[in-house]
PDB file of all heavy atoms in Angstrom:
ATOM      1  N   THR A   1       0.825  -1.196   0.000  1.00  0.00           N
ATOM      2  CA  THR A   1       0.000   0.000   0.000  1.00  0.00           C
ATOM      3  C   THR A   1       0.862   1.249   0.000  1.00  0.00           C
ATOM      4  O   THR A   1       2.092   1.194   0.085  1.00  0.00           O
ATOM      5  CB  THR A   1      -0.928   0.044   1.218  1.00  0.00           C
ATOM      6  OG1 THR A   1      -0.164   0.326   2.396  1.00  0.00           O
ATOM      7  CG2 THR A   1      -1.671  -1.267   1.404  1.00  0.00           C
ATOM      8  N   SER A   2       0.193   2.407  -0.072  1.00  0.00           N
ATOM      9  CA  SER A   2       0.891   3.685  -0.095  1.00  0.00           C
ATOM     10  C   SER A   2       1.704   3.942   1.168  1.00  0.00           C
ATOM     11  O   SER A   2       2.656   4.724   1.136  1.00  0.00           O
ATOM     12  CB  SER A   2      -0.104   4.826  -0.307  1.00  0.00           C
ATOM     13  OG  SER A   2      -1.040   4.880   0.754  1.00  0.00           O
ATOM     14  N   VAL A   3       1.326   3.282   2.274  1.00  0.00           N
ATOM     15  CA  VAL A   3       2.044   3.473   3.532  1.00  0.00           C
ATOM     16  C   VAL A   3       2.870   2.254   3.922  1.00  0.00           C
ATOM     17  O   VAL A   3       3.337   2.155   5.053  1.00  0.00           O
ATOM     18  CB  VAL A   3       1.085   3.861   4.671  1.00  0.00           C
ATOM     19  CG1 VAL A   3       0.470   5.213   4.400  1.00  0.00           C
ATOM     20  CG2 VAL A   3       0.007   2.811   4.872  1.00  0.00           C
ATOM     21  N   GLY A   4       3.056   1.317   2.987  1.00  0.00           N
ATOM     22  CA  GLY A   4       3.998   0.240   3.206  1.00  0.00           C
ATOM     23  C   GLY A   4       3.444  -1.059   3.753  1.00  0.00           C
ATOM     24  O   GLY A   4       4.229  -1.967   4.057  1.00  0.00           O
ATOM     25  N   ARG A   5       2.127  -1.189   3.897  1.00  0.00           N
ATOM     26  CA  ARG A   5       1.554  -2.462   4.331  1.00  0.00           C
ATOM     27  C   ARG A   5       1.589  -3.459   3.180  1.00  0.00           C
ATOM     28  O   ARG A   5       1.303  -3.113   2.042  1.00  0.00           O
ATOM     29  CB  ARG A   5       0.122  -2.277   4.828  1.00  0.00           C
ATOM     30  CG  ARG A   5       0.018  -1.372   6.042  1.00  0.00           C
ATOM     31  CD  ARG A   5      -1.392  -1.342   6.599  1.00  0.00           C
ATOM     32  NE  ARG A   5      -1.496  -0.445   7.749  1.00  0.00           N
ATOM     33  CZ  ARG A   5      -1.839   0.825   7.687  1.00  0.00           C
ATOM     34  NH1 ARG A   5      -2.146   1.380   6.511  1.00  0.00           N
ATOM     35  NH2 ARG A   5      -1.893   1.558   8.782  1.00  0.00           N
ATOM     36  N   THR A   6       1.913  -4.718   3.479  1.00  0.00           N
ATOM     37  CA  THR A   6       2.118  -5.723   2.447  1.00  0.00           C
ATOM     38  C   THR A   6       1.185  -6.914   2.590  1.00  0.00           C
ATOM     39  O   THR A   6       0.752  -7.258   3.691  1.00  0.00           O
ATOM     40  CB  THR A   6       3.565  -6.234   2.466  1.00  0.00           C
ATOM     41  OG1 THR A   6       3.860  -6.785   3.752  1.00  0.00           O
ATOM     42  CG2 THR A   6       4.538  -5.107   2.161  1.00  0.00           C
ATOM     43  N   ILE A   7       0.892  -7.537   1.454  1.00  0.00           N
ATOM     44  CA  ILE A   7       0.149  -8.788   1.374  1.00  0.00           C
ATOM     45  C   ILE A   7       0.880  -9.679   0.384  1.00  0.00           C
ATOM     46  O   ILE A   7       1.320  -9.215  -0.670  1.00  0.00           O
ATOM     47  CB  ILE A   7      -1.303  -8.561   0.920  1.00  0.00           C
ATOM     48  CG1 ILE A   7      -2.096  -7.812   1.987  1.00  0.00           C
ATOM     49  CG2 ILE A   7      -1.991  -9.886   0.600  1.00  0.00           C
ATOM     50  CD1 ILE A   7      -3.500  -7.444   1.545  1.00  0.00           C
ATOM     51  N   TYR A   8       0.996 -10.978   0.712  1.00  0.00           N
ATOM     52  CA  TYR A   8       1.660 -11.938  -0.151  1.00  0.00           C
ATOM     53  C   TYR A   8       0.755 -13.120  -0.439  1.00  0.00           C
ATOM     54  O   TYR A   8      -0.011 -13.556   0.420  1.00  0.00           O
ATOM     55  CB  TYR A   8       2.944 -12.464   0.500  1.00  0.00           C
ATOM     56  CG  TYR A   8       4.000 -11.416   0.699  1.00  0.00           C
ATOM     57  CD1 TYR A   8       4.080 -10.694   1.889  1.00  0.00           C
ATOM     58  CD2 TYR A   8       4.924 -11.139  -0.305  1.00  0.00           C
ATOM     59  CE1 TYR A   8       5.051  -9.722   2.062  1.00  0.00           C
ATOM     60  CE2 TYR A   8       5.897 -10.171  -0.132  1.00  0.00           C
ATOM     61  CZ  TYR A   8       5.953  -9.465   1.054  1.00  0.00           C
ATOM     62  OH  TYR A   8       6.923  -8.501   1.228  1.00  0.00           O
ATOM     63  N   ALA A   9       0.855 -13.654  -1.644  1.00  0.00           N
ATOM     64  CA  ALA A   9       0.239 -14.932  -1.943  1.00  0.00           C
ATOM     65  C   ALA A   9       0.896 -16.008  -1.091  1.00  0.00           C
ATOM     66  O   ALA A   9       2.074 -15.896  -0.724  1.00  0.00           O
ATOM     67  CB  ALA A   9       0.401 -15.268  -3.419  1.00  0.00           C
ATOM     68  N   ASP A  10       0.138 -17.066  -0.774  1.00  0.00           N
ATOM     69  CA  ASP A  10       0.701 -18.149   0.030  1.00  0.00           C
ATOM     70  C   ASP A  10       1.972 -18.711  -0.597  1.00  0.00           C
ATOM     71  O   ASP A  10       2.918 -19.068   0.112  1.00  0.00           O
ATOM     72  CB  ASP A  10      -0.325 -19.260   0.214  1.00  0.00           C
ATOM     73  CG  ASP A  10      -1.437 -18.891   1.176  1.00  0.00           C
ATOM     74  OD1 ASP A  10      -1.280 -17.922   1.943  1.00  0.00           O
ATOM     75  OD2 ASP A  10      -2.471 -19.581   1.167  1.00  0.00           O
ATOM     76  N   SER A  11       2.009 -18.794  -1.917  1.00  0.00           N
ATOM     77  CA  SER A  11       3.159 -19.350  -2.611  1.00  0.00           C
ATOM     78  C   SER A  11       4.410 -18.484  -2.477  1.00  0.00           C
ATOM     79  O   SER A  11       5.519 -18.972  -2.681  1.00  0.00           O
ATOM     80  CB  SER A  11       2.830 -19.546  -4.093  1.00  0.00           C
ATOM     81  OG  SER A  11       2.509 -18.313  -4.706  1.00  0.00           O
ATOM     82  N   ALA A  12       4.232 -17.202  -2.142  1.00  0.00           N
ATOM     83  CA  ALA A  12       5.346 -16.270  -2.055  1.00  0.00           C
ATOM     84  C   ALA A  12       5.825 -16.021  -0.633  1.00  0.00           C
ATOM     85  O   ALA A  12       6.951 -15.550  -0.436  1.00  0.00           O
ATOM     86  CB  ALA A  12       4.957 -14.929  -2.683  1.00  0.00           C
ATOM     87  N   LYS A  13       5.008 -16.315   0.347  1.00  0.00           N
ATOM     88  CA  LYS A  13       5.332 -16.018   1.736  1.00  0.00           C
ATOM     89  C   LYS A  13       6.626 -16.700   2.164  1.00  0.00           C
ATOM     90  O   LYS A  13       6.830 -17.880   1.911  1.00  0.00           O
ATOM     91  CB  LYS A  13       4.195 -16.456   2.663  1.00  0.00           C
ATOM     92  CG  LYS A  13       2.954 -15.605   2.556  1.00  0.00           C
ATOM     93  CD  LYS A  13       1.836 -16.139   3.434  1.00  0.00           C
ATOM     94  CE  LYS A  13       0.578 -15.305   3.285  1.00  0.00           C
ATOM     95  NZ  LYS A  13      -0.562 -15.873   4.045  1.00  0.00           N
ATOM     96  N   GLY A  14       7.496 -15.924   2.795  1.00  0.00           N
ATOM     97  CA  GLY A  14       8.760 -16.453   3.278  1.00  0.00           C
ATOM     98  C   GLY A  14       9.861 -16.486   2.257  1.00  0.00           C
ATOM     99  O   GLY A  14      11.018 -16.740   2.612  1.00  0.00           O
ATOM    100  N   ARG A  15       9.543 -16.235   0.980  1.00  0.00           N
ATOM    101  CA  ARG A  15      10.542 -16.276  -0.090  1.00  0.00           C
ATOM    102  C   ARG A  15      10.682 -14.949  -0.828  1.00  0.00           C
ATOM    103  O   ARG A  15      11.771 -14.604  -1.269  1.00  0.00           O
ATOM    104  CB  ARG A  15      10.208 -17.364  -1.104  1.00  0.00           C
ATOM    105  CG  ARG A  15      10.152 -18.769  -0.526  1.00  0.00           C
ATOM    106  CD  ARG A  15      10.025 -19.803  -1.635  1.00  0.00           C
ATOM    107  NE  ARG A  15       8.790 -19.615  -2.402  1.00  0.00           N
ATOM    108  CZ  ARG A  15       8.744 -19.500  -3.729  1.00  0.00           C
ATOM    109  NH1 ARG A  15       9.854 -19.556  -4.449  1.00  0.00           N
ATOM    110  NH2 ARG A  15       7.572 -19.346  -4.342  1.00  0.00           N
ATOM    111  N   PHE A  16       9.575 -14.212  -0.976  1.00  0.00           N
ATOM    112  CA  PHE A  16       9.563 -12.968  -1.749  1.00  0.00           C
ATOM    113  C   PHE A  16       9.341 -11.776  -0.818  1.00  0.00           C
ATOM    114  O   PHE A  16       8.646 -11.891   0.200  1.00  0.00           O
ATOM    115  CB  PHE A  16       8.445 -12.973  -2.788  1.00  0.00           C
ATOM    116  CG  PHE A  16       8.575 -13.996  -3.883  1.00  0.00           C
ATOM    117  CD1 PHE A  16       9.626 -14.896  -3.933  1.00  0.00           C
ATOM    118  CD2 PHE A  16       7.620 -14.046  -4.888  1.00  0.00           C
ATOM    119  CE1 PHE A  16       9.736 -15.835  -4.944  1.00  0.00           C
ATOM    120  CE2 PHE A  16       7.717 -14.973  -5.911  1.00  0.00           C
ATOM    121  CZ  PHE A  16       8.775 -15.867  -5.940  1.00  0.00           C
ATOM    122  N   THR A  17       9.895 -10.624  -1.201  1.00  0.00           N
ATOM    123  CA  THR A  17       9.699  -9.381  -0.469  1.00  0.00           C
ATOM    124  C   THR A  17       9.402  -8.250  -1.440  1.00  0.00           C
ATOM    125  O   THR A  17      10.172  -8.023  -2.378  1.00  0.00           O
ATOM    126  CB  THR A  17      10.935  -9.014   0.370  1.00  0.00           C
ATOM    127  OG1 THR A  17      11.253 -10.082   1.267  1.00  0.00           O
ATOM    128  CG2 THR A  17      10.668  -7.745   1.175  1.00  0.00           C
ATOM    129  N   ILE A  18       8.286  -7.545  -1.226  1.00  0.00           N
ATOM    130  CA  ILE A  18       7.937  -6.395  -2.045  1.00  0.00           C
ATOM    131  C   ILE A  18       8.289  -5.119  -1.283  1.00  0.00           C
ATOM    132  O   ILE A  18       8.137  -5.051  -0.063  1.00  0.00           O
ATOM    133  CB  ILE A  18       6.442  -6.410  -2.439  1.00  0.00           C
ATOM    134  CG1 ILE A  18       6.132  -5.330  -3.477  1.00  0.00           C
ATOM    135  CG2 ILE A  18       5.545  -6.285  -1.216  1.00  0.00           C
ATOM    136  CD1 ILE A  18       4.737  -5.447  -4.082  1.00  0.00           C
ATOM    137  N   SER A  19       8.769  -4.107  -2.008  1.00  0.00           N
ATOM    138  CA  SER A  19       9.114  -2.834  -1.393  1.00  0.00           C
ATOM    139  C   SER A  19       8.883  -1.715  -2.397  1.00  0.00           C
ATOM    140  O   SER A  19       8.842  -1.952  -3.604  1.00  0.00           O
ATOM    141  CB  SER A  19      10.559  -2.828  -0.899  1.00  0.00           C
ATOM    142  OG  SER A  19      11.464  -3.055  -1.971  1.00  0.00           O
ATOM    143  N   ARG A  20       8.735  -0.491  -1.887  1.00  0.00           N
ATOM    144  CA  ARG A  20       8.529   0.654  -2.771  1.00  0.00           C
ATOM    145  C   ARG A  20       9.342   1.841  -2.296  1.00  0.00           C
ATOM    146  O   ARG A  20       9.665   1.970  -1.108  1.00  0.00           O
ATOM    147  CB  ARG A  20       7.041   1.032  -2.847  1.00  0.00           C
ATOM    148  CG  ARG A  20       6.469   1.630  -1.565  1.00  0.00           C
ATOM    149  CD  ARG A  20       4.945   1.747  -1.652  1.00  0.00           C
ATOM    150  NE  ARG A  20       4.526   2.676  -2.692  1.00  0.00           N
ATOM    151  CZ  ARG A  20       3.306   2.690  -3.241  1.00  0.00           C
ATOM    152  NH1 ARG A  20       2.391   1.814  -2.853  1.00  0.00           N
ATOM    153  NH2 ARG A  20       3.016   3.583  -4.181  1.00  0.00           N
ATOM    154  N   ASP A  21       9.675   2.717  -3.245  1.00  0.00           N
ATOM    155  CA  ASP A  21      10.369   3.959  -2.962  1.00  0.00           C
ATOM    156  C   ASP A  21       9.549   5.068  -3.600  1.00  0.00           C
ATOM    157  O   ASP A  21       9.605   5.276  -4.817  1.00  0.00           O
ATOM    158  CB  ASP A  21      11.789   3.934  -3.516  1.00  0.00           C
ATOM    159  CG  ASP A  21      12.603   5.148  -3.119  1.00  0.00           C
ATOM    160  OD1 ASP A  21      12.014   6.207  -2.831  1.00  0.00           O
ATOM    161  OD2 ASP A  21      13.843   5.041  -3.095  1.00  0.00           O
ATOM    162  N   ASN A  22       8.757   5.770  -2.796  1.00  0.00           N
ATOM    163  CA  ASN A  22       7.864   6.795  -3.328  1.00  0.00           C
ATOM    164  C   ASN A  22       8.619   8.001  -3.889  1.00  0.00           C
ATOM    165  O   ASN A  22       8.095   8.703  -4.761  1.00  0.00           O
ATOM    166  CB  ASN A  22       6.877   7.245  -2.252  1.00  0.00           C
ATOM    167  CG  ASN A  22       5.808   6.206  -1.969  1.00  0.00           C
ATOM    168  OD1 ASN A  22       5.567   5.311  -2.778  1.00  0.00           O
ATOM    169  ND2 ASN A  22       5.163   6.325  -0.819  1.00  0.00           N
ATOM    170  N   ALA A  23       9.825   8.247  -3.409  1.00  0.00           N
ATOM    171  CA  ALA A  23      10.626   9.343  -3.932  1.00  0.00           C
ATOM    172  C   ALA A  23      11.111   9.063  -5.350  1.00  0.00           C
ATOM    173  O   ALA A  23      11.313   9.989  -6.134  1.00  0.00           O
ATOM    174  CB  ALA A  23      11.809   9.632  -3.015  1.00  0.00           C
ATOM    175  N   LYS A  24      11.309   7.784  -5.677  1.00  0.00           N
ATOM    176  CA  LYS A  24      11.790   7.387  -6.996  1.00  0.00           C
ATOM    177  C   LYS A  24      10.711   6.812  -7.900  1.00  0.00           C
ATOM    178  O   LYS A  24      10.981   6.496  -9.061  1.00  0.00           O
ATOM    179  CB  LYS A  24      12.913   6.355  -6.851  1.00  0.00           C
ATOM    180  CG  LYS A  24      14.144   6.871  -6.141  1.00  0.00           C
ATOM    181  CD  LYS A  24      15.206   5.784  -6.049  1.00  0.00           C
ATOM    182  CE  LYS A  24      16.457   6.295  -5.373  1.00  0.00           C
ATOM    183  NZ  LYS A  24      17.495   5.235  -5.261  1.00  0.00           N
ATOM    184  N   ASN A  25       9.491   6.661  -7.379  1.00  0.00           N
ATOM    185  CA  ASN A  25       8.385   6.050  -8.135  1.00  0.00           C
ATOM    186  C   ASN A  25       8.746   4.649  -8.626  1.00  0.00           C
ATOM    187  O   ASN A  25       8.551   4.303  -9.800  1.00  0.00           O
ATOM    188  CB  ASN A  25       7.972   6.926  -9.318  1.00  0.00           C
ATOM    189  CG  ASN A  25       7.200   8.161  -8.904  1.00  0.00           C
ATOM    190  OD1 ASN A  25       7.079   8.484  -7.727  1.00  0.00           O
ATOM    191  ND2 ASN A  25       6.660   8.868  -9.886  1.00  0.00           N
ATOM    192  N   THR A  26       9.272   3.827  -7.724  1.00  0.00           N
ATOM    193  CA  THR A  26       9.638   2.458  -8.067  1.00  0.00           C
ATOM    194  C   THR A  26       9.077   1.471  -7.055  1.00  0.00           C
ATOM    195  O   THR A  26       8.863   1.805  -5.893  1.00  0.00           O
ATOM    196  CB  THR A  26      11.160   2.262  -8.140  1.00  0.00           C
ATOM    197  OG1 THR A  26      11.755   2.600  -6.884  1.00  0.00           O
ATOM    198  CG2 THR A  26      11.763   3.111  -9.244  1.00  0.00           C
ATOM    199  N   VAL A  27       8.847   0.241  -7.519  1.00  0.00           N
ATOM    200  CA  VAL A  27       8.454  -0.861  -6.655  1.00  0.00           C
ATOM    201  C   VAL A  27       9.249  -2.089  -7.086  1.00  0.00           C
ATOM    202  O   VAL A  27       9.338  -2.389  -8.277  1.00  0.00           O
ATOM    203  CB  VAL A  27       6.930  -1.109  -6.695  1.00  0.00           C
ATOM    204  CG1 VAL A  27       6.444  -1.373  -8.112  1.00  0.00           C
ATOM    205  CG2 VAL A  27       6.546  -2.257  -5.774  1.00  0.00           C
ATOM    206  N   ASP A  28       9.845  -2.779  -6.114  1.00  0.00           N
ATOM    207  CA  ASP A  28      10.713  -3.918  -6.379  1.00  0.00           C
ATOM    208  C   ASP A  28      10.128  -5.196  -5.799  1.00  0.00           C
ATOM    209  O   ASP A  28       9.322  -5.172  -4.870  1.00  0.00           O
ATOM    210  CB  ASP A  28      12.090  -3.700  -5.771  1.00  0.00           C
ATOM    211  CG  ASP A  28      12.895  -2.619  -6.460  1.00  0.00           C
ATOM    212  OD1 ASP A  28      12.416  -2.044  -7.459  1.00  0.00           O
ATOM    213  OD2 ASP A  28      14.017  -2.343  -5.990  1.00  0.00           O
ATOM    214  N   LEU A  29      10.559  -6.321  -6.350  1.00  0.00           N
ATOM    215  CA  LEU A  29      10.202  -7.635  -5.823  1.00  0.00           C
ATOM    216  C   LEU A  29      11.468  -8.469  -5.730  1.00  0.00           C
ATOM    217  O   LEU A  29      12.038  -8.845  -6.756  1.00  0.00           O
ATOM    218  CB  LEU A  29       9.175  -8.334  -6.713  1.00  0.00           C
ATOM    219  CG  LEU A  29       8.660  -9.676  -6.200  1.00  0.00           C
ATOM    220  CD1 LEU A  29       7.785  -9.476  -4.963  1.00  0.00           C
ATOM    221  CD2 LEU A  29       7.880 -10.414  -7.286  1.00  0.00           C
ATOM    222  N   GLN A  30      11.924  -8.730  -4.506  1.00  0.00           N
ATOM    223  CA  GLN A  30      13.064  -9.600  -4.271  1.00  0.00           C
ATOM    224  C   GLN A  30      12.560 -11.029  -4.165  1.00  0.00           C
ATOM    225  O   GLN A  30      11.711 -11.326  -3.327  1.00  0.00           O
ATOM    226  CB  GLN A  30      13.793  -9.201  -2.991  1.00  0.00           C
ATOM    227  CG  GLN A  30      14.970 -10.102  -2.635  1.00  0.00           C
ATOM    228  CD  GLN A  30      16.103 -10.018  -3.620  1.00  0.00           C
ATOM    229  OE1 GLN A  30      16.502  -8.929  -4.017  1.00  0.00           O
ATOM    230  NE2 GLN A  30      16.625 -11.159  -4.033  1.00  0.00           N
ATOM    231  N   MET A  31      13.084 -11.922  -5.002  1.00  0.00           N
ATOM    232  CA  MET A  31      12.635 -13.307  -5.050  1.00  0.00           C
ATOM    233  C   MET A  31      13.808 -14.221  -4.714  1.00  0.00           C
ATOM    234  O   MET A  31      14.817 -14.228  -5.424  1.00  0.00           O
ATOM    235  CB  MET A  31      12.074 -13.651  -6.428  1.00  0.00           C
ATOM    236  CG  MET A  31      10.955 -12.725  -6.880  1.00  0.00           C
ATOM    237  SD  MET A  31      10.151 -13.291  -8.406  1.00  0.00           S
ATOM    238  CE  MET A  31      11.512 -13.125  -9.554  1.00  0.00           C
ATOM    239  N   ASN A  32      13.664 -14.997  -3.647  1.00  0.00           N
ATOM    240  CA  ASN A  32      14.683 -15.935  -3.204  1.00  0.00           C
ATOM    241  C   ASN A  32      14.140 -17.356  -3.239  1.00  0.00           C
ATOM    242  O   ASN A  32      12.933 -17.573  -3.293  1.00  0.00           O
ATOM    243  CB  ASN A  32      15.151 -15.595  -1.790  1.00  0.00           C
ATOM    244  CG  ASN A  32      15.763 -14.227  -1.673  1.00  0.00           C
ATOM    245  OD1 ASN A  32      16.432 -13.748  -2.575  1.00  0.00           O
ATOM    246  ND2 ASN A  32      15.542 -13.582  -0.519  1.00  0.00           N
ATOM    247  N   SER A  33      15.044 -18.330  -3.171  1.00  0.00           N
ATOM    248  CA  SER A  33      14.664 -19.745  -3.145  1.00  0.00           C
ATOM    249  C   SER A  33      13.683 -20.089  -4.254  1.00  0.00           C
ATOM    250  O   SER A  33      12.656 -20.731  -4.024  1.00  0.00           O
ATOM    251  CB  SER A  33      14.079 -20.103  -1.774  1.00  0.00           C
ATOM    252  OG  SER A  33      15.001 -19.833  -0.740  1.00  0.00           O
ATOM    253  N   LEU A  34      14.011 -19.685  -5.462  1.00  0.00           N
ATOM    254  CA  LEU A  34      13.089 -19.832  -6.586  1.00  0.00           C
ATOM    255  C   LEU A  34      12.857 -21.294  -6.940  1.00  0.00           C
ATOM    256  O   LEU A  34      13.756 -22.132  -6.831  1.00  0.00           O
ATOM    257  CB  LEU A  34      13.607 -19.065  -7.790  1.00  0.00           C
ATOM    258  CG  LEU A  34      13.410 -17.551  -7.683  1.00  0.00           C
ATOM    259  CD1 LEU A  34      14.319 -16.820  -8.655  1.00  0.00           C
ATOM    260  CD2 LEU A  34      11.947 -17.191  -7.952  1.00  0.00           C
ATOM    261  N   LYS A  35      11.627 -21.569  -7.367  1.00  0.00           N
ATOM    262  CA  LYS A  35      11.170 -22.901  -7.737  1.00  0.00           C
ATOM    263  C   LYS A  35      10.701 -22.895  -9.187  1.00  0.00           C
ATOM    264  O   LYS A  35      10.331 -21.848  -9.714  1.00  0.00           O
ATOM    265  CB  LYS A  35      10.006 -23.332  -6.839  1.00  0.00           C
ATOM    266  CG  LYS A  35      10.276 -23.267  -5.350  1.00  0.00           C
ATOM    267  CD  LYS A  35       8.994 -23.555  -4.567  1.00  0.00           C
ATOM    268  CE  LYS A  35       9.229 -23.482  -3.082  1.00  0.00           C
ATOM    269  NZ  LYS A  35       7.973 -23.736  -2.320  1.00  0.00           N
ATOM    270  N   PRO A  36      10.666 -24.068  -9.841  1.00  0.00           N
ATOM    271  CA  PRO A  36      10.134 -24.111 -11.208  1.00  0.00           C
ATOM    272  C   PRO A  36       8.718 -23.550 -11.324  1.00  0.00           C
ATOM    273  O   PRO A  36       8.372 -22.970 -12.358  1.00  0.00           O
ATOM    274  CB  PRO A  36      10.162 -25.611 -11.545  1.00  0.00           C
ATOM    275  CG  PRO A  36      11.287 -26.144 -10.726  1.00  0.00           C
ATOM    276  CD  PRO A  36      11.232 -25.369  -9.434  1.00  0.00           C
ATOM    277  N   GLU A  37       7.909 -23.701 -10.280  1.00  0.00           N
ATOM    278  CA  GLU A  37       6.545 -23.190 -10.278  1.00  0.00           C
ATOM    279  C   GLU A  37       6.475 -21.668 -10.330  1.00  0.00           C
ATOM    280  O   GLU A  37       5.406 -21.111 -10.579  1.00  0.00           O
ATOM    281  CB  GLU A  37       5.785 -23.672  -9.036  1.00  0.00           C
ATOM    282  CG  GLU A  37       5.821 -25.179  -8.832  1.00  0.00           C
ATOM    283  CD  GLU A  37       6.951 -25.606  -7.916  1.00  0.00           C
ATOM    284  OE1 GLU A  37       8.069 -25.833  -8.442  1.00  0.00           O
ATOM    285  OE2 GLU A  37       6.728 -25.720  -6.696  1.00  0.00           O
ATOM    286  N   ASP A  38       7.598 -20.983 -10.091  1.00  0.00           N
ATOM    287  CA  ASP A  38       7.646 -19.529 -10.184  1.00  0.00           C
ATOM    288  C   ASP A  38       7.814 -19.040 -11.617  1.00  0.00           C
ATOM    289  O   ASP A  38       7.750 -17.829 -11.865  1.00  0.00           O
ATOM    290  CB  ASP A  38       8.789 -18.977  -9.330  1.00  0.00           C
ATOM    291  CG  ASP A  38       8.612 -19.267  -7.849  1.00  0.00           C
ATOM    292  OD1 ASP A  38       7.488 -19.125  -7.333  1.00  0.00           O
ATOM    293  OD2 ASP A  38       9.612 -19.631  -7.200  1.00  0.00           O
ATOM    294  N   THR A  39       8.051 -19.940 -12.549  1.00  0.00           N
ATOM    295  CA  THR A  39       8.235 -19.564 -13.949  1.00  0.00           C
ATOM    296  C   THR A  39       6.968 -18.911 -14.495  1.00  0.00           C
ATOM    297  O   THR A  39       5.885 -19.500 -14.463  1.00  0.00           O
ATOM    298  CB  THR A  39       8.602 -20.784 -14.792  1.00  0.00           C
ATOM    299  OG1 THR A  39       9.868 -21.297 -14.364  1.00  0.00           O
ATOM    300  CG2 THR A  39       8.688 -20.422 -16.263  1.00  0.00           C
ATOM    301  N   ALA A  40       7.099 -17.675 -14.999  1.00  0.00           N
ATOM    302  CA  ALA A  40       5.957 -16.904 -15.482  1.00  0.00           C
ATOM    303  C   ALA A  40       6.448 -15.568 -16.008  1.00  0.00           C
ATOM    304  O   ALA A  40       7.616 -15.206 -15.832  1.00  0.00           O
ATOM    305  CB  ALA A  40       4.941 -16.671 -14.360  1.00  0.00           C
ATOM    306  N   VAL A  41       5.544 -14.824 -16.633  1.00  0.00           N
ATOM    307  CA  VAL A  41       5.778 -13.418 -16.917  1.00  0.00           C
ATOM    308  C   VAL A  41       5.270 -12.622 -15.724  1.00  0.00           C
ATOM    309  O   VAL A  41       4.128 -12.814 -15.285  1.00  0.00           O
ATOM    310  CB  VAL A  41       5.077 -12.958 -18.202  1.00  0.00           C
ATOM    311  CG1 VAL A  41       5.292 -11.466 -18.430  1.00  0.00           C
ATOM    312  CG2 VAL A  41       5.595 -13.749 -19.391  1.00  0.00           C
ATOM    313  N   TYR A  42       6.105 -11.741 -15.198  1.00  0.00           N
ATOM    314  CA  TYR A  42       5.769 -10.947 -14.029  1.00  0.00           C
ATOM    315  C   TYR A  42       5.437  -9.518 -14.442  1.00  0.00           C
ATOM    316  O   TYR A  42       6.184  -8.896 -15.204  1.00  0.00           O
ATOM    317  CB  TYR A  42       6.926 -10.951 -13.033  1.00  0.00           C
ATOM    318  CG  TYR A  42       7.039 -12.254 -12.263  1.00  0.00           C
ATOM    319  CD1 TYR A  42       7.431 -13.422 -12.903  1.00  0.00           C
ATOM    320  CD2 TYR A  42       6.728 -12.315 -10.907  1.00  0.00           C
ATOM    321  CE1 TYR A  42       7.507 -14.620 -12.216  1.00  0.00           C
ATOM    322  CE2 TYR A  42       6.810 -13.508 -10.204  1.00  0.00           C
ATOM    323  CZ  TYR A  42       7.197 -14.655 -10.865  1.00  0.00           C
ATOM    324  OH  TYR A  42       7.279 -15.845 -10.171  1.00  0.00           O
TER     325      TYR A  42
END
């Protein structure tokens, strides 16, 4: 959200982290411990 509250899909919990920088107008997704099931267009 605009104030930094996060929600994750069950498949992403514990492995992925979303973050945003409002000064730069960017949002990132750090993905760790990747699995074949993560294969997709993001």
